[in-house]
Amino acid sequence: FVEEEPQPNEKGIKEILGSVFSFVERLDDEFNKSLLNTDP
């Protein structure tokens, strides 16, 4: 359930499922595409 706050683990840290790097990777791919589609 999205509404529920995740339970803290033994260190008291709440973990959220997700991949931070996938966003950066997609951004990098788009950056490359925009370079390829621009007149050098």
PDB file of all heavy atoms in Angstrom:
ATOM      1  N   PHE A   1       0.835  -1.207   0.000  1.00  0.00           N
ATOM      2  CA  PHE A   1       0.000   0.000   0.000  1.00  0.00           C
ATOM      3  C   PHE A   1       0.866   1.251   0.000  1.00  0.00           C
ATOM      4  O   PHE A   1       1.710   1.437   0.863  1.00  0.00           O
ATOM      5  CB  PHE A   1      -0.922   0.004   1.238  1.00  0.00           C
ATOM      6  CG  PHE A   1      -1.793  -1.210   1.290  1.00  0.00           C
ATOM      7  CD1 PHE A   1      -1.497  -2.251   2.159  1.00  0.00           C
ATOM      8  CD2 PHE A   1      -2.897  -1.324   0.440  1.00  0.00           C
ATOM      9  CE1 PHE A   1      -2.280  -3.385   2.198  1.00  0.00           C
ATOM     10  CE2 PHE A   1      -3.677  -2.469   0.482  1.00  0.00           C
ATOM     11  CZ  PHE A   1      -3.386  -3.505   1.359  1.00  0.00           C
ATOM     12  N   VAL A   2       0.609   2.089  -0.977  1.00  0.00           N
ATOM     13  CA  VAL A   2       1.409   3.309  -1.107  1.00  0.00           C
ATOM     14  C   VAL A   2       1.196   4.239   0.091  1.00  0.00           C
ATOM     15  O   VAL A   2       2.092   4.944   0.525  1.00  0.00           O
ATOM     16  CB  VAL A   2       1.034   4.044  -2.424  1.00  0.00           C
ATOM     17  CG1 VAL A   2       1.911   5.268  -2.613  1.00  0.00           C
ATOM     18  CG2 VAL A   2       1.190   3.112  -3.614  1.00  0.00           C
ATOM     19  N   GLU A   3      -0.059   4.215   0.636  1.00  0.00           N
ATOM     20  CA  GLU A   3      -0.383   5.162   1.714  1.00  0.00           C
ATOM     21  C   GLU A   3       0.380   4.850   2.993  1.00  0.00           C
ATOM     22  O   GLU A   3       0.647   5.733   3.792  1.00  0.00           O
ATOM     23  CB  GLU A   3      -1.897   5.137   2.037  1.00  0.00           C
ATOM     24  CG  GLU A   3      -2.799   5.654   0.943  1.00  0.00           C
ATOM     25  CD  GLU A   3      -3.096   4.589  -0.110  1.00  0.00           C
ATOM     26  OE1 GLU A   3      -2.985   3.391   0.211  1.00  0.00           O
ATOM     27  OE2 GLU A   3      -3.419   4.964  -1.250  1.00  0.00           O
ATOM     28  N   GLU A   4       0.717   3.568   3.190  1.00  0.00           N
ATOM     29  CA  GLU A   4       1.350   3.194   4.463  1.00  0.00           C
ATOM     30  C   GLU A   4       2.842   3.509   4.458  1.00  0.00           C
ATOM     31  O   GLU A   4       3.535   3.252   3.482  1.00  0.00           O
ATOM     32  CB  GLU A   4       1.164   1.686   4.715  1.00  0.00           C
ATOM     33  CG  GLU A   4      -0.238   1.359   5.172  1.00  0.00           C
ATOM     34  CD  GLU A   4      -0.390  -0.145   5.456  1.00  0.00           C
ATOM     35  OE1 GLU A   4       0.646  -0.830   5.580  1.00  0.00           O
ATOM     36  OE2 GLU A   4      -1.534  -0.602   5.528  1.00  0.00           O
ATOM     37  N   GLU A   5       3.281   4.058   5.566  1.00  0.00           N
ATOM     38  CA  GLU A   5       4.713   4.346   5.733  1.00  0.00           C
ATOM     39  C   GLU A   5       5.442   3.005   5.906  1.00  0.00           C
ATOM     40  O   GLU A   5       4.981   2.144   6.647  1.00  0.00           O
ATOM     41  CB  GLU A   5       4.873   5.184   7.008  1.00  0.00           C
ATOM     42  CG  GLU A   5       6.267   5.653   7.280  1.00  0.00           C
ATOM     43  CD  GLU A   5       6.511   7.085   6.813  1.00  0.00           C
ATOM     44  OE1 GLU A   5       5.616   7.685   6.179  1.00  0.00           O
ATOM     45  OE2 GLU A   5       7.590   7.582   7.086  1.00  0.00           O
ATOM     46  N   PRO A   6       6.599   2.795   5.216  1.00  0.00           N
ATOM     47  CA  PRO A   6       7.314   1.529   5.420  1.00  0.00           C
ATOM     48  C   PRO A   6       7.821   1.414   6.861  1.00  0.00           C
ATOM     49  O   PRO A   6       8.109   2.426   7.506  1.00  0.00           O
ATOM     50  CB  PRO A   6       8.478   1.617   4.428  1.00  0.00           C
ATOM     51  CG  PRO A   6       8.591   3.052   4.043  1.00  0.00           C
ATOM     52  CD  PRO A   6       7.242   3.653   4.227  1.00  0.00           C
ATOM     53  N   GLN A   7       7.907   0.173   7.345  1.00  0.00           N
ATOM     54  CA  GLN A   7       8.345  -0.045   8.733  1.00  0.00           C
ATOM     55  C   GLN A   7       9.860   0.168   8.843  1.00  0.00           C
ATOM     56  O   GLN A   7      10.608  -0.257   7.973  1.00  0.00           O
ATOM     57  CB  GLN A   7       8.019  -1.477   9.170  1.00  0.00           C
ATOM     58  CG  GLN A   7       6.524  -1.761   9.297  1.00  0.00           C
ATOM     59  CD  GLN A   7       5.852  -0.790  10.268  1.00  0.00           C
ATOM     60  OE1 GLN A   7       6.352  -0.571  11.370  1.00  0.00           O
ATOM     61  NE2 GLN A   7       4.738  -0.188   9.840  1.00  0.00           N
ATOM     62  N   PRO A   8      10.313   0.835   9.910  1.00  0.00           N
ATOM     63  CA  PRO A   8      11.769   1.005  10.077  1.00  0.00           C
ATOM     64  C   PRO A   8      12.447  -0.341  10.312  1.00  0.00           C
ATOM     65  O   PRO A   8      11.858  -1.223  10.960  1.00  0.00           O
ATOM     66  CB  PRO A   8      11.894   1.890  11.321  1.00  0.00           C
ATOM     67  CG  PRO A   8      10.524   2.269  11.736  1.00  0.00           C
ATOM     68  CD  PRO A   8       9.536   1.482  10.961  1.00  0.00           C
ATOM     69  N   ASN A   9      13.664  -0.521   9.784  1.00  0.00           N
ATOM     70  CA  ASN A   9      14.398  -1.777  10.037  1.00  0.00           C
ATOM     71  C   ASN A   9      15.148  -1.663  11.368  1.00  0.00           C
ATOM     72  O   ASN A   9      14.968  -0.686  12.105  1.00  0.00           O
ATOM     73  CB  ASN A   9      15.350  -2.083   8.869  1.00  0.00           C
ATOM     74  CG  ASN A   9      16.380  -0.986   8.669  1.00  0.00           C
ATOM     75  OD1 ASN A   9      16.505  -0.077   9.483  1.00  0.00           O
ATOM     76  ND2 ASN A   9      17.116  -1.059   7.572  1.00  0.00           N
ATOM     77  N   GLU A  10      16.030  -2.648  11.632  1.00  0.00           N
ATOM     78  CA  GLU A  10      16.675  -2.673  12.962  1.00  0.00           C
ATOM     79  C   GLU A  10      17.542  -1.433  13.224  1.00  0.00           C
ATOM     80  O   GLU A  10      17.796  -1.070  14.366  1.00  0.00           O
ATOM     81  CB  GLU A  10      17.494  -3.968  13.159  1.00  0.00           C
ATOM     82  CG  GLU A  10      18.665  -4.177  12.193  1.00  0.00           C
ATOM     83  CD  GLU A  10      18.221  -4.790  10.850  1.00  0.00           C
ATOM     84  OE1 GLU A  10      16.997  -4.934  10.623  1.00  0.00           O
ATOM     85  OE2 GLU A  10      19.101  -5.100  10.036  1.00  0.00           O
ATOM     86  N   LYS A  11      17.964  -0.742  12.155  1.00  0.00           N
ATOM     87  CA  LYS A  11      18.762   0.467  12.375  1.00  0.00           C
ATOM     88  C   LYS A  11      17.872   1.699  12.475  1.00  0.00           C
ATOM     89  O   LYS A  11      18.366   2.824  12.557  1.00  0.00           O
ATOM     90  CB  LYS A  11      19.741   0.664  11.223  1.00  0.00           C
ATOM     91  CG  LYS A  11      20.862  -0.373  11.197  1.00  0.00           C
ATOM     92  CD  LYS A  11      21.813  -0.069  10.051  1.00  0.00           C
ATOM     93  CE  LYS A  11      22.837  -1.195   9.898  1.00  0.00           C
ATOM     94  NZ  LYS A  11      23.424  -1.210   8.568  1.00  0.00           N
ATOM     95  N   GLY A  12      16.564   1.501  12.374  1.00  0.00           N
ATOM     96  CA  GLY A  12      15.645   2.631  12.457  1.00  0.00           C
ATOM     97  C   GLY A  12      15.512   3.389  11.147  1.00  0.00           C
ATOM     98  O   GLY A  12      15.057   4.533  11.127  1.00  0.00           O
ATOM     99  N   ILE A  13      15.911   2.731  10.034  1.00  0.00           N
ATOM    100  CA  ILE A  13      15.825   3.401   8.723  1.00  0.00           C
ATOM    101  C   ILE A  13      14.678   2.806   7.924  1.00  0.00           C
ATOM    102  O   ILE A  13      14.506   1.591   7.874  1.00  0.00           O
ATOM    103  CB  ILE A  13      17.169   3.239   7.968  1.00  0.00           C
ATOM    104  CG1 ILE A  13      18.240   4.102   8.648  1.00  0.00           C
ATOM    105  CG2 ILE A  13      17.020   3.634   6.499  1.00  0.00           C
ATOM    106  CD1 ILE A  13      19.630   3.865   8.171  1.00  0.00           C
ATOM    107  N   LYS A  14      13.875   3.692   7.339  1.00  0.00           N
ATOM    108  CA  LYS A  14      12.746   3.201   6.538  1.00  0.00           C
ATOM    109  C   LYS A  14      13.209   3.028   5.086  1.00  0.00           C
ATOM    110  O   LYS A  14      13.736   3.963   4.491  1.00  0.00           O
ATOM    111  CB  LYS A  14      11.600   4.208   6.610  1.00  0.00           C
ATOM    112  CG  LYS A  14      11.085   4.368   8.029  1.00  0.00           C
ATOM    113  CD  LYS A  14      10.114   5.503   8.144  1.00  0.00           C
ATOM    114  CE  LYS A  14       9.662   5.654   9.606  1.00  0.00           C
ATOM    115  NZ  LYS A  14       8.836   6.819   9.826  1.00  0.00           N
ATOM    116  N   GLU A  15      13.024   1.802   4.561  1.00  0.00           N
ATOM    117  CA  GLU A  15      13.509   1.521   3.201  1.00  0.00           C
ATOM    118  C   GLU A  15      12.380   1.606   2.187  1.00  0.00           C
ATOM    119  O   GLU A  15      11.292   1.055   2.397  1.00  0.00           O
ATOM    120  CB  GLU A  15      14.152   0.135   3.155  1.00  0.00           C
ATOM    121  CG  GLU A  15      15.453   0.069   3.935  1.00  0.00           C
ATOM    122  CD  GLU A  15      16.193  -1.243   3.730  1.00  0.00           C
ATOM    123  OE1 GLU A  15      15.524  -2.244   3.403  1.00  0.00           O
ATOM    124  OE2 GLU A  15      17.428  -1.264   3.883  1.00  0.00           O
ATOM    125  N   ILE A  16      12.627   2.279   1.079  1.00  0.00           N
ATOM    126  CA  ILE A  16      11.618   2.416   0.017  1.00  0.00           C
ATOM    127  C   ILE A  16      12.158   1.687  -1.207  1.00  0.00           C
ATOM    128  O   ILE A  16      13.331   1.849  -1.572  1.00  0.00           O
ATOM    129  CB  ILE A  16      11.386   3.905  -0.324  1.00  0.00           C
ATOM    130  CG1 ILE A  16      10.949   4.656   0.947  1.00  0.00           C
ATOM    131  CG2 ILE A  16      10.375   4.076  -1.441  1.00  0.00           C
ATOM    132  CD1 ILE A  16      11.044   6.160   0.814  1.00  0.00           C
ATOM    133  N   LEU A  17      11.305   0.896  -1.847  1.00  0.00           N
ATOM    134  CA  LEU A  17      11.744   0.134  -3.012  1.00  0.00           C
ATOM    135  C   LEU A  17      11.836   1.056  -4.234  1.00  0.00           C
ATOM    136  O   LEU A  17      10.897   1.789  -4.540  1.00  0.00           O
ATOM    137  CB  LEU A  17      10.746  -0.999  -3.296  1.00  0.00           C
ATOM    138  CG  LEU A  17      11.107  -1.926  -4.452  1.00  0.00           C
ATOM    139  CD1 LEU A  17      12.382  -2.692  -4.145  1.00  0.00           C
ATOM    140  CD2 LEU A  17       9.984  -2.899  -4.745  1.00  0.00           C
ATOM    141  N   GLY A  18      12.978   1.021  -4.916  1.00  0.00           N
ATOM    142  CA  GLY A  18      13.133   1.854  -6.117  1.00  0.00           C
ATOM    143  C   GLY A  18      14.585   1.869  -6.542  1.00  0.00           C
ATOM    144  O   GLY A  18      15.462   1.518  -5.762  1.00  0.00           O
ATOM    145  N   SER A  19      14.821   2.246  -7.788  1.00  0.00           N
ATOM    146  CA  SER A  19      16.195   2.290  -8.257  1.00  0.00           C
ATOM    147  C   SER A  19      16.555   3.716  -8.626  1.00  0.00           C
ATOM    148  O   SER A  19      16.017   4.281  -9.568  1.00  0.00           O
ATOM    149  CB  SER A  19      16.361   1.380  -9.465  1.00  0.00           C
ATOM    150  OG  SER A  19      17.585   1.654 -10.074  1.00  0.00           O
ATOM    151  N   VAL A  20      17.457   4.291  -7.854  1.00  0.00           N
ATOM    152  CA  VAL A  20      17.875   5.674  -8.110  1.00  0.00           C
ATOM    153  C   VAL A  20      18.638   5.740  -9.433  1.00  0.00           C
ATOM    154  O   VAL A  20      18.444   6.637 -10.247  1.00  0.00           O
ATOM    155  CB  VAL A  20      18.804   6.167  -6.966  1.00  0.00           C
ATOM    156  CG1 VAL A  20      19.281   7.581  -7.238  1.00  0.00           C
ATOM    157  CG2 VAL A  20      18.073   6.098  -5.644  1.00  0.00           C
ATOM    158  N   PHE A  21      19.483   4.730  -9.638  1.00  0.00           N
ATOM    159  CA  PHE A  21      20.374   4.842 -10.785  1.00  0.00           C
ATOM    160  C   PHE A  21      19.661   4.684 -12.127  1.00  0.00           C
ATOM    161  O   PHE A  21      20.109   5.215 -13.135  1.00  0.00           O
ATOM    162  CB  PHE A  21      21.543   3.861 -10.677  1.00  0.00           C
ATOM    163  CG  PHE A  21      22.607   4.177 -11.675  1.00  0.00           C
ATOM    164  CD1 PHE A  21      23.328   5.364 -11.575  1.00  0.00           C
ATOM    165  CD2 PHE A  21      22.862   3.353 -12.751  1.00  0.00           C
ATOM    166  CE1 PHE A  21      24.293   5.710 -12.520  1.00  0.00           C
ATOM    167  CE2 PHE A  21      23.818   3.691 -13.695  1.00  0.00           C
ATOM    168  CZ  PHE A  21      24.540   4.871 -13.573  1.00  0.00           C
ATOM    169  N   SER A  22      18.529   3.974 -12.129  1.00  0.00           N
ATOM    170  CA  SER A  22      17.800   3.812 -13.400  1.00  0.00           C
ATOM    171  C   SER A  22      17.415   5.162 -13.983  1.00  0.00           C
ATOM    172  O   SER A  22      17.456   5.358 -15.195  1.00  0.00           O
ATOM    173  CB  SER A  22      16.540   2.980 -13.197  1.00  0.00           C
ATOM    174  OG  SER A  22      16.909   1.701 -12.783  1.00  0.00           O
ATOM    175  N   PHE A  23      17.053   6.110 -13.097  1.00  0.00           N
ATOM    176  CA  PHE A  23      16.685   7.458 -13.573  1.00  0.00           C
ATOM    177  C   PHE A  23      17.895   8.134 -14.231  1.00  0.00           C
ATOM    178  O   PHE A  23      17.793   8.711 -15.306  1.00  0.00           O
ATOM    179  CB  PHE A  23      16.203   8.323 -12.404  1.00  0.00           C
ATOM    180  CG  PHE A  23      14.841   7.954 -11.929  1.00  0.00           C
ATOM    181  CD1 PHE A  23      14.658   7.377 -10.685  1.00  0.00           C
ATOM    182  CD2 PHE A  23      13.724   8.175 -12.730  1.00  0.00           C
ATOM    183  CE1 PHE A  23      13.394   7.032 -10.244  1.00  0.00           C
ATOM    184  CE2 PHE A  23      12.452   7.835 -12.291  1.00  0.00           C
ATOM    185  CZ  PHE A  23      12.289   7.262 -11.045  1.00  0.00           C
ATOM    186  N   VAL A  24      19.039   8.031 -13.553  1.00  0.00           N
ATOM    187  CA  VAL A  24      20.252   8.673 -14.066  1.00  0.00           C
ATOM    188  C   VAL A  24      20.636   8.043 -15.406  1.00  0.00           C
ATOM    189  O   VAL A  24      21.032   8.721 -16.351  1.00  0.00           O
ATOM    190  CB  VAL A  24      21.410   8.544 -13.056  1.00  0.00           C
ATOM    191  CG1 VAL A  24      22.674   9.207 -13.577  1.00  0.00           C
ATOM    192  CG2 VAL A  24      21.007   9.163 -11.730  1.00  0.00           C
ATOM    193  N   GLU A  25      20.462   6.714 -15.471  1.00  0.00           N
ATOM    194  CA  GLU A  25      20.821   5.990 -16.693  1.00  0.00           C
ATOM    195  C   GLU A  25      19.936   6.425 -17.857  1.00  0.00           C
ATOM    196  O   GLU A  25      20.423   6.669 -18.967  1.00  0.00           O
ATOM    197  CB  GLU A  25      20.629   4.492 -16.434  1.00  0.00           C
ATOM    198  CG  GLU A  25      21.583   3.622 -17.183  1.00  0.00           C
ATOM    199  CD  GLU A  25      21.601   2.206 -16.608  1.00  0.00           C
ATOM    200  OE1 GLU A  25      20.571   1.737 -16.080  1.00  0.00           O
ATOM    201  OE2 GLU A  25      22.642   1.569 -16.698  1.00  0.00           O
ATOM    202  N   ARG A  26      18.651   6.552 -17.569  1.00  0.00           N
ATOM    203  CA  ARG A  26      17.724   6.990 -18.627  1.00  0.00           C
ATOM    204  C   ARG A  26      18.073   8.401 -19.088  1.00  0.00           C
ATOM    205  O   ARG A  26      18.051   8.708 -20.275  1.00  0.00           O
ATOM    206  CB  ARG A  26      16.276   7.000 -18.092  1.00  0.00           C
ATOM    207  CG  ARG A  26      15.681   5.647 -17.790  1.00  0.00           C
ATOM    208  CD  ARG A  26      14.726   5.169 -18.876  1.00  0.00           C
ATOM    209  NE  ARG A  26      13.723   6.145 -19.262  1.00  0.00           N
ATOM    210  CZ  ARG A  26      12.512   6.247 -18.713  1.00  0.00           C
ATOM    211  NH1 ARG A  26      12.172   5.439 -17.718  1.00  0.00           N
ATOM    212  NH2 ARG A  26      11.657   7.133 -19.155  1.00  0.00           N
ATOM    213  N   LEU A  27      18.421   9.231 -18.125  1.00  0.00           N
ATOM    214  CA  LEU A  27      18.776  10.622 -18.432  1.00  0.00           C
ATOM    215  C   LEU A  27      20.017  10.659 -19.336  1.00  0.00           C
ATOM    216  O   LEU A  27      20.076  11.402 -20.327  1.00  0.00           O
ATOM    217  CB  LEU A  27      19.075  11.356 -17.121  1.00  0.00           C
ATOM    218  CG  LEU A  27      19.149  12.876 -17.180  1.00  0.00           C
ATOM    219  CD1 LEU A  27      17.809  13.451 -17.584  1.00  0.00           C
ATOM    220  CD2 LEU A  27      19.535  13.426 -15.819  1.00  0.00           C
ATOM    221  N   ASP A  28      20.987   9.812 -19.006  1.00  0.00           N
ATOM    222  CA  ASP A  28      22.218   9.750 -19.778  1.00  0.00           C
ATOM    223  C   ASP A  28      21.943   9.270 -21.210  1.00  0.00           C
ATOM    224  O   ASP A  28      22.497   9.796 -22.180  1.00  0.00           O
ATOM    225  CB  ASP A  28      23.206   8.808 -19.077  1.00  0.00           C
ATOM    226  CG  ASP A  28      24.606   8.949 -19.622  1.00  0.00           C
ATOM    227  OD1 ASP A  28      24.932  10.035 -20.126  1.00  0.00           O
ATOM    228  OD2 ASP A  28      25.374   7.976 -19.564  1.00  0.00           O
ATOM    229  N   ASP A  29      21.046   8.267 -21.333  1.00  0.00           N
ATOM    230  CA  ASP A  29      20.682   7.773 -22.669  1.00  0.00           C
ATOM    231  C   ASP A  29      20.043   8.876 -23.501  1.00  0.00           C
ATOM    232  O   ASP A  29      20.341   9.039 -24.680  1.00  0.00           O
ATOM    233  CB  ASP A  29      19.710   6.589 -22.559  1.00  0.00           C
ATOM    234  CG  ASP A  29      20.417   5.334 -22.049  1.00  0.00           C
ATOM    235  OD1 ASP A  29      21.659   5.291 -22.159  1.00  0.00           O
ATOM    236  OD2 ASP A  29      19.744   4.425 -21.539  1.00  0.00           O
ATOM    237  N   GLU A  30      19.152   9.635 -22.851  1.00  0.00           N
ATOM    238  CA  GLU A  30      18.470  10.722 -23.569  1.00  0.00           C
ATOM    239  C   GLU A  30      19.477  11.802 -23.993  1.00  0.00           C
ATOM    240  O   GLU A  30      19.380  12.364 -25.071  1.00  0.00           O
ATOM    241  CB  GLU A  30      17.385  11.367 -22.682  1.00  0.00           C
ATOM    242  CG  GLU A  30      16.183  10.478 -22.438  1.00  0.00           C
ATOM    243  CD  GLU A  30      15.458  10.084 -23.715  1.00  0.00           C
ATOM    244  OE1 GLU A  30      15.361  10.925 -24.637  1.00  0.00           O
ATOM    245  OE2 GLU A  30      15.012   8.935 -23.818  1.00  0.00           O
ATOM    246  N   PHE A  31      20.446  12.045 -23.116  1.00  0.00           N
ATOM    247  CA  PHE A  31      21.488  13.038 -23.416  1.00  0.00           C
ATOM    248  C   PHE A  31      22.271  12.602 -24.660  1.00  0.00           C
ATOM    249  O   PHE A  31      22.509  13.385 -25.574  1.00  0.00           O
ATOM    250  CB  PHE A  31      22.418  13.162 -22.202  1.00  0.00           C
ATOM    251  CG  PHE A  31      23.642  13.997 -22.441  1.00  0.00           C
ATOM    252  CD1 PHE A  31      23.542  15.360 -22.655  1.00  0.00           C
ATOM    253  CD2 PHE A  31      24.916  13.428 -22.453  1.00  0.00           C
ATOM    254  CE1 PHE A  31      24.670  16.146 -22.870  1.00  0.00           C
ATOM    255  CE2 PHE A  31      26.044  14.196 -22.669  1.00  0.00           C
ATOM    256  CZ  PHE A  31      25.920  15.558 -22.883  1.00  0.00           C
ATOM    257  N   ASN A  32      22.607  11.311 -24.692  1.00  0.00           N
ATOM    258  CA  ASN A  32      23.325  10.773 -25.854  1.00  0.00           C
ATOM    259  C   ASN A  32      22.515  10.892 -27.128  1.00  0.00           C
ATOM    260  O   ASN A  32      23.030  11.248 -28.175  1.00  0.00           O
ATOM    261  CB  ASN A  32      23.657   9.304 -25.608  1.00  0.00           C
ATOM    262  CG  ASN A  32      25.142   9.111 -25.452  1.00  0.00           C
ATOM    263  OD1 ASN A  32      25.904  10.062 -25.608  1.00  0.00           O
ATOM    264  ND2 ASN A  32      25.566   7.903 -25.158  1.00  0.00           N
ATOM    265  N   LYS A  33      21.196  10.585 -26.994  1.00  0.00           N
ATOM    266  CA  LYS A  33      20.314  10.664 -28.164  1.00  0.00           C
ATOM    267  C   LYS A  33      20.252  12.086 -28.678  1.00  0.00           C
ATOM    268  O   LYS A  33      20.297  12.326 -29.876  1.00  0.00           O
ATOM    269  CB  LYS A  33      18.895  10.218 -27.784  1.00  0.00           C
ATOM    270  CG  LYS A  33      18.654   8.743 -28.013  1.00  0.00           C
ATOM    271  CD  LYS A  33      17.182   8.448 -27.803  1.00  0.00           C
ATOM    272  CE  LYS A  33      17.019   7.047 -27.242  1.00  0.00           C
ATOM    273  NZ  LYS A  33      15.668   6.761 -26.806  1.00  0.00           N
ATOM    274  N   SER A  34      20.153  13.035 -27.750  1.00  0.00           N
ATOM    275  CA  SER A  34      20.022  14.424 -28.199  1.00  0.00           C
ATOM    276  C   SER A  34      21.306  14.881 -28.895  1.00  0.00           C
ATOM    277  O   SER A  34      21.259  15.650 -29.842  1.00  0.00           O
ATOM    278  CB  SER A  34      19.672  15.343 -27.029  1.00  0.00           C
ATOM    279  OG  SER A  34      20.766  15.458 -26.178  1.00  0.00           O
ATOM    280  N   LEU A  35      22.468  14.366 -28.442  1.00  0.00           N
ATOM    281  CA  LEU A  35      23.722  14.711 -29.128  1.00  0.00           C
ATOM    282  C   LEU A  35      23.756  14.116 -30.532  1.00  0.00           C
ATOM    283  O   LEU A  35      24.199  14.755 -31.483  1.00  0.00           O
ATOM    284  CB  LEU A  35      24.927  14.197 -28.338  1.00  0.00           C
ATOM    285  CG  LEU A  35      25.351  14.981 -27.105  1.00  0.00           C
ATOM    286  CD1 LEU A  35      26.509  14.279 -26.404  1.00  0.00           C
ATOM    287  CD2 LEU A  35      25.767  16.400 -27.450  1.00  0.00           C
ATOM    288  N   LEU A  36      23.257  12.871 -30.642  1.00  0.00           N
ATOM    289  CA  LEU A  36      23.279  12.215 -31.954  1.00  0.00           C
ATOM    290  C   LEU A  36      22.331  12.887 -32.933  1.00  0.00           C
ATOM    291  O   LEU A  36      22.541  12.853 -34.133  1.00  0.00           O
ATOM    292  CB  LEU A  36      22.895  10.736 -31.809  1.00  0.00           C
ATOM    293  CG  LEU A  36      23.938   9.825 -31.168  1.00  0.00           C
ATOM    294  CD1 LEU A  36      23.359   8.448 -30.901  1.00  0.00           C
ATOM    295  CD2 LEU A  36      25.165   9.692 -32.055  1.00  0.00           C
ATOM    296  N   ASN A  37      21.266  13.497 -32.396  1.00  0.00           N
ATOM    297  CA  ASN A  37      20.280  14.123 -33.279  1.00  0.00           C
ATOM    298  C   ASN A  37      20.539  15.601 -33.532  1.00  0.00           C
ATOM    299  O   ASN A  37      19.743  16.267 -34.164  1.00  0.00           O
ATOM    300  CB  ASN A  37      18.871  13.948 -32.702  1.00  0.00           C
ATOM    301  CG  ASN A  37      18.387  12.521 -32.895  1.00  0.00           C
ATOM    302  OD1 ASN A  37      18.387  12.013 -34.010  1.00  0.00           O
ATOM    303  ND2 ASN A  37      18.013  11.866 -31.812  1.00  0.00           N
ATOM    304  N   THR A  38      21.650  16.113 -32.998  1.00  0.00           N
ATOM    305  CA  THR A  38      21.978  17.532 -33.219  1.00  0.00           C
ATOM    306  C   THR A  38      23.082  17.618 -34.261  1.00  0.00           C
ATOM    307  O   THR A  38      23.980  16.772 -34.263  1.00  0.00           O
ATOM    308  CB  THR A  38      22.487  18.169 -31.900  1.00  0.00           C
ATOM    309  OG1 THR A  38      21.561  17.855 -30.871  1.00  0.00           O
ATOM    310  CG2 THR A  38      22.583  19.676 -32.018  1.00  0.00           C
ATOM    311  N   ASP A  39      23.029  18.626 -35.101  1.00  0.00           N
ATOM    312  CA  ASP A  39      24.090  18.798 -36.093  1.00  0.00           C
ATOM    313  C   ASP A  39      25.397  19.145 -35.376  1.00  0.00           C
ATOM    314  O   ASP A  39      25.483  20.169 -34.688  1.00  0.00           O
ATOM    315  CB  ASP A  39      23.689  19.928 -37.055  1.00  0.00           C
ATOM    316  CG  ASP A  39      24.841  20.317 -37.970  1.00  0.00           C
ATOM    317  OD1 ASP A  39      25.750  19.478 -38.135  1.00  0.00           O
ATOM    318  OD2 ASP A  39      24.833  21.435 -38.505  1.00  0.00           O
ATOM    319  N   PRO A  40      26.428  18.299 -35.520  1.00  0.00           N
ATOM    320  CA  PRO A  40      27.644  18.502 -34.721  1.00  0.00           C
ATOM    321  C   PRO A  40      28.405  19.785 -35.052  1.00  0.00           C
ATOM    322  O   PRO A  40      29.247  20.222 -34.283  1.00  0.00           O
ATOM    323  CB  PRO A  40      28.501  17.280 -35.063  1.00  0.00           C
ATOM    324  CG  PRO A  40      27.926  16.729 -36.311  1.00  0.00           C
ATOM    325  CD  PRO A  40      26.491  17.082 -36.323  1.00  0.00           C
TER     326      PRO A  40
END
